[in-house]
Amino acid sequence: MTDTATIPADLSFEDALQRLEQIVQKLESGQAPLEESIALYEEGARLKAHCEERLKAAQLRVEKIVVGPDGAARGVEPAEFT
């Protein structure tokens, strides 16, 4: 990713997570100068928010089957994750 100021809306969760892992490795290595470290941290924060949004969207798409007292499926409702 060449432009660290924006995260493309169509960036997949997996690609965003991979980039975030690269950023963490670089920051943990201590090899980046201060200004680059700050820019990487900011990009990482944006990627984290992007990943959270993608996960929330996926969560809303998941449904669970509701079974009635007779054991028959009676419909679906949004899944709840706790």
PDB file of N, CA and C in Angstrom:
ATOM      1  N   MET A   1       0.856  -1.169   0.000  1.00  0.00           N
ATOM      2  CA  MET A   1       0.000   0.000   0.000  1.00  0.00           C
ATOM      3  C   MET A   1       0.900   1.228   0.000  1.00  0.00           C
ATOM      4  N   THR A   2       0.801   2.031  -1.014  1.00  0.00           N
ATOM      5  CA  THR A   2       1.702   3.159  -1.127  1.00  0.00           C
ATOM      6  C   THR A   2       1.170   4.398  -0.434  1.00  0.00           C
ATOM      7  N   ASP A   3      -0.122   4.626  -0.456  1.00  0.00           N
ATOM      8  CA  ASP A   3      -0.713   5.798   0.181  1.00  0.00           C
ATOM      9  C   ASP A   3      -1.229   5.396   1.553  1.00  0.00           C
ATOM     10  N   THR A   4      -0.530   5.850   2.595  1.00  0.00           N
ATOM     11  CA  THR A   4      -0.915   5.457   3.953  1.00  0.00           C
ATOM     12  C   THR A   4      -1.985   6.367   4.530  1.00  0.00           C
ATOM     13  N   ALA A   5      -2.408   7.409   3.804  1.00  0.00           N
ATOM     14  CA  ALA A   5      -3.396   8.341   4.342  1.00  0.00           C
ATOM     15  C   ALA A   5      -4.815   7.787   4.259  1.00  0.00           C
ATOM     16  N   THR A   6      -5.067   6.904   3.299  1.00  0.00           N
ATOM     17  CA  THR A   6      -6.412   6.365   3.151  1.00  0.00           C
ATOM     18  C   THR A   6      -6.358   4.854   3.033  1.00  0.00           C
ATOM     19  N   ILE A   7      -7.418   4.235   3.472  1.00  0.00           N
ATOM     20  CA  ILE A   7      -7.577   2.793   3.348  1.00  0.00           C
ATOM     21  C   ILE A   7      -8.693   2.581   2.329  1.00  0.00           C
ATOM     22  N   PRO A   8      -8.424   1.887   1.230  1.00  0.00           N
ATOM     23  CA  PRO A   8      -9.482   1.656   0.242  1.00  0.00           C
ATOM     24  C   PRO A   8     -10.665   0.916   0.867  1.00  0.00           C
ATOM     25  N   ALA A   9     -11.860   1.358   0.555  1.00  0.00           N
ATOM     26  CA  ALA A   9     -13.061   0.747   1.130  1.00  0.00           C
ATOM     27  C   ALA A   9     -13.200  -0.708   0.732  1.00  0.00           C
ATOM     28  N   ASP A  10     -12.652  -1.072  -0.426  1.00  0.00           N
ATOM     29  CA  ASP A  10     -12.791  -2.451  -0.884  1.00  0.00           C
ATOM     30  C   ASP A  10     -11.625  -3.341  -0.442  1.00  0.00           C
ATOM     31  N   LEU A  11     -10.746  -2.836   0.417  1.00  0.00           N
ATOM     32  CA  LEU A  11      -9.638  -3.635   0.927  1.00  0.00           C
ATOM     33  C   LEU A  11     -10.200  -4.785   1.750  1.00  0.00           C
ATOM     34  N   SER A  12      -9.793  -5.995   1.418  1.00  0.00           N
ATOM     35  CA  SER A  12     -10.323  -7.160   2.133  1.00  0.00           C
ATOM     36  C   SER A  12      -9.818  -7.188   3.574  1.00  0.00           C
ATOM     37  N   PHE A  13     -10.558  -7.872   4.412  1.00  0.00           N
ATOM     38  CA  PHE A  13     -10.164  -8.043   5.808  1.00  0.00           C
ATOM     39  C   PHE A  13      -8.788  -8.704   5.879  1.00  0.00           C
ATOM     40  N   GLU A  14      -8.595  -9.750   5.066  1.00  0.00           N
ATOM     41  CA  GLU A  14      -7.339 -10.496   5.091  1.00  0.00           C
ATOM     42  C   GLU A  14      -6.148  -9.634   4.678  1.00  0.00           C
ATOM     43  N   ASP A  15      -6.333  -8.824   3.636  1.00  0.00           N
ATOM     44  CA  ASP A  15      -5.251  -7.945   3.183  1.00  0.00           C
ATOM     45  C   ASP A  15      -4.947  -6.864   4.220  1.00  0.00           C
ATOM     46  N   ALA A  16      -5.986  -6.320   4.827  1.00  0.00           N
ATOM     47  CA  ALA A  16      -5.794  -5.299   5.859  1.00  0.00           C
ATOM     48  C   ALA A  16      -5.070  -5.890   7.064  1.00  0.00           C
ATOM     49  N   LEU A  17      -5.456  -7.093   7.454  1.00  0.00           N
ATOM     50  CA  LEU A  17      -4.825  -7.750   8.590  1.00  0.00           C
ATOM     51  C   LEU A  17      -3.358  -8.062   8.296  1.00  0.00           C
ATOM     52  N   GLN A  18      -3.078  -8.499   7.080  1.00  0.00           N
ATOM     53  CA  GLN A  18      -1.697  -8.787   6.692  1.00  0.00           C
ATOM     54  C   GLN A  18      -0.845  -7.518   6.768  1.00  0.00           C
ATOM     55  N   ARG A  19      -1.371  -6.408   6.253  1.00  0.00           N
ATOM     56  CA  ARG A  19      -0.631  -5.137   6.310  1.00  0.00           C
ATOM     57  C   ARG A  19      -0.444  -4.701   7.765  1.00  0.00           C
ATOM     58  N   LEU A  20      -1.465  -4.885   8.579  1.00  0.00           N
ATOM     59  CA  LEU A  20      -1.371  -4.521   9.990  1.00  0.00           C
ATOM     60  C   LEU A  20      -0.283  -5.345  10.676  1.00  0.00           C
ATOM     61  N   GLU A  21      -0.187  -6.616  10.353  1.00  0.00           N
ATOM     62  CA  GLU A  21       0.865  -7.470  10.918  1.00  0.00           C
ATOM     63  C   GLU A  21       2.247  -6.988  10.497  1.00  0.00           C
ATOM     64  N   GLN A  22       2.387  -6.545   9.244  1.00  0.00           N
ATOM     65  CA  GLN A  22       3.667  -6.017   8.765  1.00  0.00           C
ATOM     66  C   GLN A  22       4.053  -4.763   9.552  1.00  0.00           C
ATOM     67  N   ILE A  23       3.063  -3.921   9.800  1.00  0.00           N
ATOM     68  CA  ILE A  23       3.315  -2.683  10.547  1.00  0.00           C
ATOM     69  C   ILE A  23       3.767  -3.006  11.964  1.00  0.00           C
ATOM     70  N   VAL A  24       3.075  -3.924  12.606  1.00  0.00           N
ATOM     71  CA  VAL A  24       3.428  -4.301  13.979  1.00  0.00           C
ATOM     72  C   VAL A  24       4.858  -4.848  14.026  1.00  0.00           C
ATOM     73  N   GLN A  25       5.202  -5.714  13.081  1.00  0.00           N
ATOM     74  CA  GLN A  25       6.561  -6.270  13.051  1.00  0.00           C
ATOM     75  C   GLN A  25       7.608  -5.175  12.901  1.00  0.00           C
ATOM     76  N   LYS A  26       7.333  -4.224  12.016  1.00  0.00           N
ATOM     77  CA  LYS A  26       8.303  -3.148  11.790  1.00  0.00           C
ATOM     78  C   LYS A  26       8.431  -2.268  13.033  1.00  0.00           C
ATOM     79  N   LEU A  27       7.296  -1.947  13.651  1.00  0.00           N
ATOM     80  CA  LEU A  27       7.354  -1.120  14.851  1.00  0.00           C
ATOM     81  C   LEU A  27       8.052  -1.850  15.999  1.00  0.00           C
ATOM     82  N   GLU A  28       7.780  -3.134  16.146  1.00  0.00           N
ATOM     83  CA  GLU A  28       8.410  -3.908  17.219  1.00  0.00           C
ATOM     84  C   GLU A  28       9.909  -4.073  17.002  1.00  0.00           C
ATOM     85  N   SER A  29      10.336  -4.066  15.743  1.00  0.00           N
ATOM     86  CA  SER A  29      11.766  -4.242  15.455  1.00  0.00           C
ATOM     87  C   SER A  29      12.581  -3.019  15.869  1.00  0.00           C
ATOM     88  N   GLY A  30      11.907  -1.858  15.948  1.00  0.00           N
ATOM     89  CA  GLY A  30      12.602  -0.634  16.314  1.00  0.00           C
ATOM     90  C   GLY A  30      13.465  -0.078  15.194  1.00  0.00           C
ATOM     91  N   GLN A  31      13.294  -0.561  13.980  1.00  0.00           N
ATOM     92  CA  GLN A  31      14.134  -0.130  12.867  1.00  0.00           C
ATOM     93  C   GLN A  31      13.623   1.114  12.149  1.00  0.00           C
ATOM     94  N   ALA A  32      12.405   1.527  12.432  1.00  0.00           N
ATOM     95  CA  ALA A  32      11.854   2.698  11.751  1.00  0.00           C
ATOM     96  C   ALA A  32      12.208   3.964  12.524  1.00  0.00           C
ATOM     97  N   PRO A  33      12.604   5.013  11.808  1.00  0.00           N
ATOM     98  CA  PRO A  33      12.838   6.307  12.468  1.00  0.00           C
ATOM     99  C   PRO A  33      11.528   6.837  13.075  1.00  0.00           C
ATOM    100  N   LEU A  34      11.641   7.796  13.941  1.00  0.00           N
ATOM    101  CA  LEU A  34      10.482   8.307  14.689  1.00  0.00           C
ATOM    102  C   LEU A  34       9.336   8.738  13.784  1.00  0.00           C
ATOM    103  N   GLU A  35       9.610   9.558  12.780  1.00  0.00           N
ATOM    104  CA  GLU A  35       8.537  10.052  11.910  1.00  0.00           C
ATOM    105  C   GLU A  35       7.858   8.905  11.172  1.00  0.00           C
ATOM    106  N   GLU A  36       8.625   7.943  10.696  1.00  0.00           N
ATOM    107  CA  GLU A  36       8.050   6.786  10.022  1.00  0.00           C
ATOM    108  C   GLU A  36       7.236   5.944  11.003  1.00  0.00           C
ATOM    109  N   SER A  37       7.716   5.812  12.224  1.00  0.00           N
ATOM    110  CA  SER A  37       6.987   5.062  13.248  1.00  0.00           C
ATOM    111  C   SER A  37       5.628   5.692  13.524  1.00  0.00           C
ATOM    112  N   ILE A  38       5.593   7.005  13.577  1.00  0.00           N
ATOM    113  CA  ILE A  38       4.331   7.708  13.814  1.00  0.00           C
ATOM    114  C   ILE A  38       3.376   7.472  12.646  1.00  0.00           C
ATOM    115  N   ALA A  39       3.893   7.584  11.423  1.00  0.00           N
ATOM    116  CA  ALA A  39       3.054   7.353  10.237  1.00  0.00           C
ATOM    117  C   ALA A  39       2.551   5.907  10.206  1.00  0.00           C
ATOM    118  N   LEU A  40       3.406   4.964  10.554  1.00  0.00           N
ATOM    119  CA  LEU A  40       3.006   3.555  10.584  1.00  0.00           C
ATOM    120  C   LEU A  40       1.933   3.324  11.651  1.00  0.00           C
ATOM    121  N   TYR A  41       2.112   3.943  12.807  1.00  0.00           N
ATOM    122  CA  TYR A  41       1.126   3.811  13.880  1.00  0.00           C
ATOM    123  C   TYR A  41      -0.229   4.348  13.427  1.00  0.00           C
ATOM    124  N   GLU A  42      -0.221   5.507  12.765  1.00  0.00           N
ATOM    125  CA  GLU A  42      -1.472   6.092  12.270  1.00  0.00           C
ATOM    126  C   GLU A  42      -2.133   5.187  11.239  1.00  0.00           C
ATOM    127  N   GLU A  43      -1.332   4.627  10.325  1.00  0.00           N
ATOM    128  CA  GLU A  43      -1.872   3.699   9.335  1.00  0.00           C
ATOM    129  C   GLU A  43      -2.437   2.467  10.031  1.00  0.00           C
ATOM    130  N   GLY A  44      -1.725   1.979  11.024  1.00  0.00           N
ATOM    131  CA  GLY A  44      -2.190   0.817  11.775  1.00  0.00           C
ATOM    132  C   GLY A  44      -3.525   1.075  12.456  1.00  0.00           C
ATOM    133  N   ALA A  45      -3.696   2.266  12.996  1.00  0.00           N
ATOM    134  CA  ALA A  45      -4.967   2.619  13.641  1.00  0.00           C
ATOM    135  C   ALA A  45      -6.108   2.629  12.623  1.00  0.00           C
ATOM    136  N   ARG A  46      -5.828   3.156  11.422  1.00  0.00           N
ATOM    137  CA  ARG A  46      -6.852   3.158  10.374  1.00  0.00           C
ATOM    138  C   ARG A  46      -7.167   1.737   9.914  1.00  0.00           C
ATOM    139  N   LEU A  47      -6.138   0.908   9.787  1.00  0.00           N
ATOM    140  CA  LEU A  47      -6.353  -0.484   9.388  1.00  0.00           C
ATOM    141  C   LEU A  47      -7.153  -1.247  10.446  1.00  0.00           C
ATOM    142  N   LYS A  48      -6.867  -0.998  11.708  1.00  0.00           N
ATOM    143  CA  LYS A  48      -7.607  -1.638  12.803  1.00  0.00           C
ATOM    144  C   LYS A  48      -9.079  -1.268  12.720  1.00  0.00           C
ATOM    145  N   ALA A  49      -9.367   0.007  12.505  1.00  0.00           N
ATOM    146  CA  ALA A  49     -10.758   0.451  12.380  1.00  0.00           C
ATOM    147  C   ALA A  49     -11.423  -0.195  11.167  1.00  0.00           C
ATOM    148  N   HIS A  50     -10.678  -0.291  10.074  1.00  0.00           N
ATOM    149  CA  HIS A  50     -11.201  -0.921   8.851  1.00  0.00           C
ATOM    150  C   HIS A  50     -11.544  -2.386   9.127  1.00  0.00           C
ATOM    151  N   CYS A  51     -10.644  -3.099   9.794  1.00  0.00           N
ATOM    152  CA  CYS A  51     -10.890  -4.508  10.125  1.00  0.00           C
ATOM    153  C   CYS A  51     -12.112  -4.647  11.026  1.00  0.00           C
ATOM    154  N   GLU A  52     -12.243  -3.775  11.997  1.00  0.00           N
ATOM    155  CA  GLU A  52     -13.403  -3.824  12.891  1.00  0.00           C
ATOM    156  C   GLU A  52     -14.699  -3.592  12.117  1.00  0.00           C
ATOM    157  N   GLU A  53     -14.686  -2.658  11.169  1.00  0.00           N
ATOM    158  CA  GLU A  53     -15.872  -2.401  10.349  1.00  0.00           C
ATOM    159  C   GLU A  53     -16.229  -3.615   9.503  1.00  0.00           C
ATOM    160  N   ARG A  54     -15.202  -4.247   8.907  1.00  0.00           N
ATOM    161  CA  ARG A  54     -15.444  -5.441   8.083  1.00  0.00           C
ATOM    162  C   ARG A  54     -16.014  -6.581   8.929  1.00  0.00           C
ATOM    163  N   LEU A  55     -15.493  -6.756  10.137  1.00  0.00           N
ATOM    164  CA  LEU A  55     -16.003  -7.805  11.017  1.00  0.00           C
ATOM    165  C   LEU A  55     -17.437  -7.524  11.434  1.00  0.00           C
ATOM    166  N   LYS A  56     -17.739  -6.277  11.733  1.00  0.00           N
ATOM    167  CA  LYS A  56     -19.101  -5.905  12.122  1.00  0.00           C
ATOM    168  C   LYS A  56     -20.065  -6.173  10.966  1.00  0.00           C
ATOM    169  N   ALA A  57     -19.668  -5.826   9.760  1.00  0.00           N
ATOM    170  CA  ALA A  57     -20.515  -6.070   8.591  1.00  0.00           C
ATOM    171  C   ALA A  57     -20.746  -7.567   8.405  1.00  0.00           C
ATOM    172  N   ALA A  58     -19.700  -8.357   8.599  1.00  0.00           N
ATOM    173  CA  ALA A  58     -19.845  -9.813   8.471  1.00  0.00           C
ATOM    174  C   ALA A  58     -20.763 -10.357   9.554  1.00  0.00           C
ATOM    175  N   GLN A  59     -20.627  -9.836  10.755  1.00  0.00           N
ATOM    176  CA  GLN A  59     -21.465 -10.282  11.880  1.00  0.00           C
ATOM    177  C   GLN A  59     -22.937 -10.024  11.590  1.00  0.00           C
ATOM    178  N   LEU A  60     -23.235  -8.880  10.993  1.00  0.00           N
ATOM    179  CA  LEU A  60     -24.621  -8.542  10.695  1.00  0.00           C
ATOM    180  C   LEU A  60     -25.212  -9.450   9.625  1.00  0.00           C
ATOM    181  N   ARG A  61     -24.360 -10.030   8.796  1.00  0.00           N
ATOM    182  CA  ARG A  61     -24.831 -10.910   7.725  1.00  0.00           C
ATOM    183  C   ARG A  61     -25.094 -12.328   8.218  1.00  0.00           C
ATOM    184  N   VAL A  62     -24.518 -12.673   9.347  1.00  0.00           N
ATOM    185  CA  VAL A  62     -24.683 -14.031   9.863  1.00  0.00           C
ATOM    186  C   VAL A  62     -26.053 -14.137  10.533  1.00  0.00           C
ATOM    187  N   GLU A  63     -26.730 -15.205  10.230  1.00  0.00           N
ATOM    188  CA  GLU A  63     -28.028 -15.445  10.861  1.00  0.00           C
ATOM    189  C   GLU A  63     -28.006 -16.810  11.509  1.00  0.00           C
ATOM    190  N   LYS A  64     -28.839 -16.965  12.504  1.00  0.00           N
ATOM    191  CA  LYS A  64     -28.956 -18.282  13.117  1.00  0.00           C
ATOM    192  C   LYS A  64     -30.368 -18.797  12.889  1.00  0.00           C
ATOM    193  N   ILE A  65     -30.475 -20.094  12.783  1.00  0.00           N
ATOM    194  CA  ILE A  65     -31.772 -20.730  12.593  1.00  0.00           C
ATOM    195  C   ILE A  65     -32.437 -20.855  13.957  1.00  0.00           C
ATOM    196  N   VAL A  66     -33.673 -20.444  14.003  1.00  0.00           N
ATOM    197  CA  VAL A  66     -34.439 -20.526  15.248  1.00  0.00           C
ATOM    198  C   VAL A  66     -35.312 -21.773  15.179  1.00  0.00           C
ATOM    199  N   VAL A  67     -35.204 -22.599  16.212  1.00  0.00           N
ATOM    200  CA  VAL A  67     -35.968 -23.834  16.269  1.00  0.00           C
ATOM    201  C   VAL A  67     -37.098 -23.655  17.279  1.00  0.00           C
ATOM    202  N   GLY A  68     -38.303 -24.025  16.856  1.00  0.00           N
ATOM    203  CA  GLY A  68     -39.469 -23.931  17.723  1.00  0.00           C
ATOM    204  C   GLY A  68     -39.522 -25.079  18.729  1.00  0.00           C
ATOM    205  N   PRO A  69     -40.493 -25.042  19.637  1.00  0.00           N
ATOM    206  CA  PRO A  69     -40.621 -26.071  20.668  1.00  0.00           C
ATOM    207  C   PRO A  69     -40.851 -27.476  20.083  1.00  0.00           C
ATOM    208  N   ASP A  70     -41.385 -27.536  18.882  1.00  0.00           N
ATOM    209  CA  ASP A  70     -41.630 -28.836  18.254  1.00  0.00           C
ATOM    210  C   ASP A  70     -40.397 -29.361  17.521  1.00  0.00           C
ATOM    211  N   GLY A  71     -39.287 -28.622  17.571  1.00  0.00           N
ATOM    212  CA  GLY A  71     -38.060 -29.049  16.928  1.00  0.00           C
ATOM    213  C   GLY A  71     -37.940 -28.641  15.480  1.00  0.00           C
ATOM    214  N   ALA A  72     -38.976 -28.032  14.949  1.00  0.00           N
ATOM    215  CA  ALA A  72     -38.950 -27.603  13.554  1.00  0.00           C
ATOM    216  C   ALA A  72     -38.386 -26.188  13.458  1.00  0.00           C
ATOM    217  N   ALA A  73     -37.681 -25.932  12.364  1.00  0.00           N
ATOM    218  CA  ALA A  73     -37.158 -24.584  12.126  1.00  0.00           C
ATOM    219  C   ALA A  73     -38.328 -23.644  11.900  1.00  0.00           C
ATOM    220  N   ARG A  74     -38.304 -22.508  12.577  1.00  0.00           N
ATOM    221  CA  ARG A  74     -39.393 -21.539  12.419  1.00  0.00           C
ATOM    222  C   ARG A  74     -38.925 -20.222  11.837  1.00  0.00           C
ATOM    223  N   GLY A  75     -37.693 -20.151  11.411  1.00  0.00           N
ATOM    224  CA  GLY A  75     -37.193 -18.927  10.787  1.00  0.00           C
ATOM    225  C   GLY A  75     -35.754 -18.659  11.174  1.00  0.00           C
ATOM    226  N   VAL A  76     -35.324 -17.467  10.874  1.00  0.00           N
ATOM    227  CA  VAL A  76     -33.963 -17.048  11.207  1.00  0.00           C
ATOM    228  C   VAL A  76     -34.021 -15.697  11.898  1.00  0.00           C
ATOM    229  N   GLU A  77     -32.999 -15.434  12.656  1.00  0.00           N
ATOM    230  CA  GLU A  77     -32.835 -14.115  13.296  1.00  0.00           C
ATOM    231  C   GLU A  77     -31.358 -13.808  13.332  1.00  0.00           C
ATOM    232  N   PRO A  78     -31.008 -12.534  13.536  1.00  0.00           N
ATOM    233  CA  PRO A  78     -29.597 -12.176  13.576  1.00  0.00           C
ATOM    234  C   PRO A  78     -28.897 -12.924  14.698  1.00  0.00           C
ATOM    235  N   ALA A  79     -27.686 -13.361  14.417  1.00  0.00           N
ATOM    236  CA  ALA A  79     -26.889 -14.039  15.436  1.00  0.00           C
ATOM    237  C   ALA A  79     -26.382 -13.010  16.433  1.00  0.00           C
ATOM    238  N   GLU A  80     -26.259 -13.425  17.660  1.00  0.00           N
ATOM    239  CA  GLU A  80     -25.709 -12.549  18.700  1.00  0.00           C
ATOM    240  C   GLU A  80     -24.365 -13.129  19.133  1.00  0.00           C
ATOM    241  N   PHE A  81     -23.358 -12.276  19.144  1.00  0.00           N
ATOM    242  CA  PHE A  81     -22.020 -12.692  19.562  1.00  0.00           C
ATOM    243  C   PHE A  81     -21.682 -11.950  20.828  1.00  0.00           C
ATOM    244  N   THR A  82     -21.278 -12.697  21.829  1.00  0.00           N
ATOM    245  CA  THR A  82     -20.907 -12.052  23.096  1.00  0.00           C
ATOM    246  C   THR A  82     -19.521 -12.407  23.499  1.00  0.00           C
TER     247      THR A  82
END
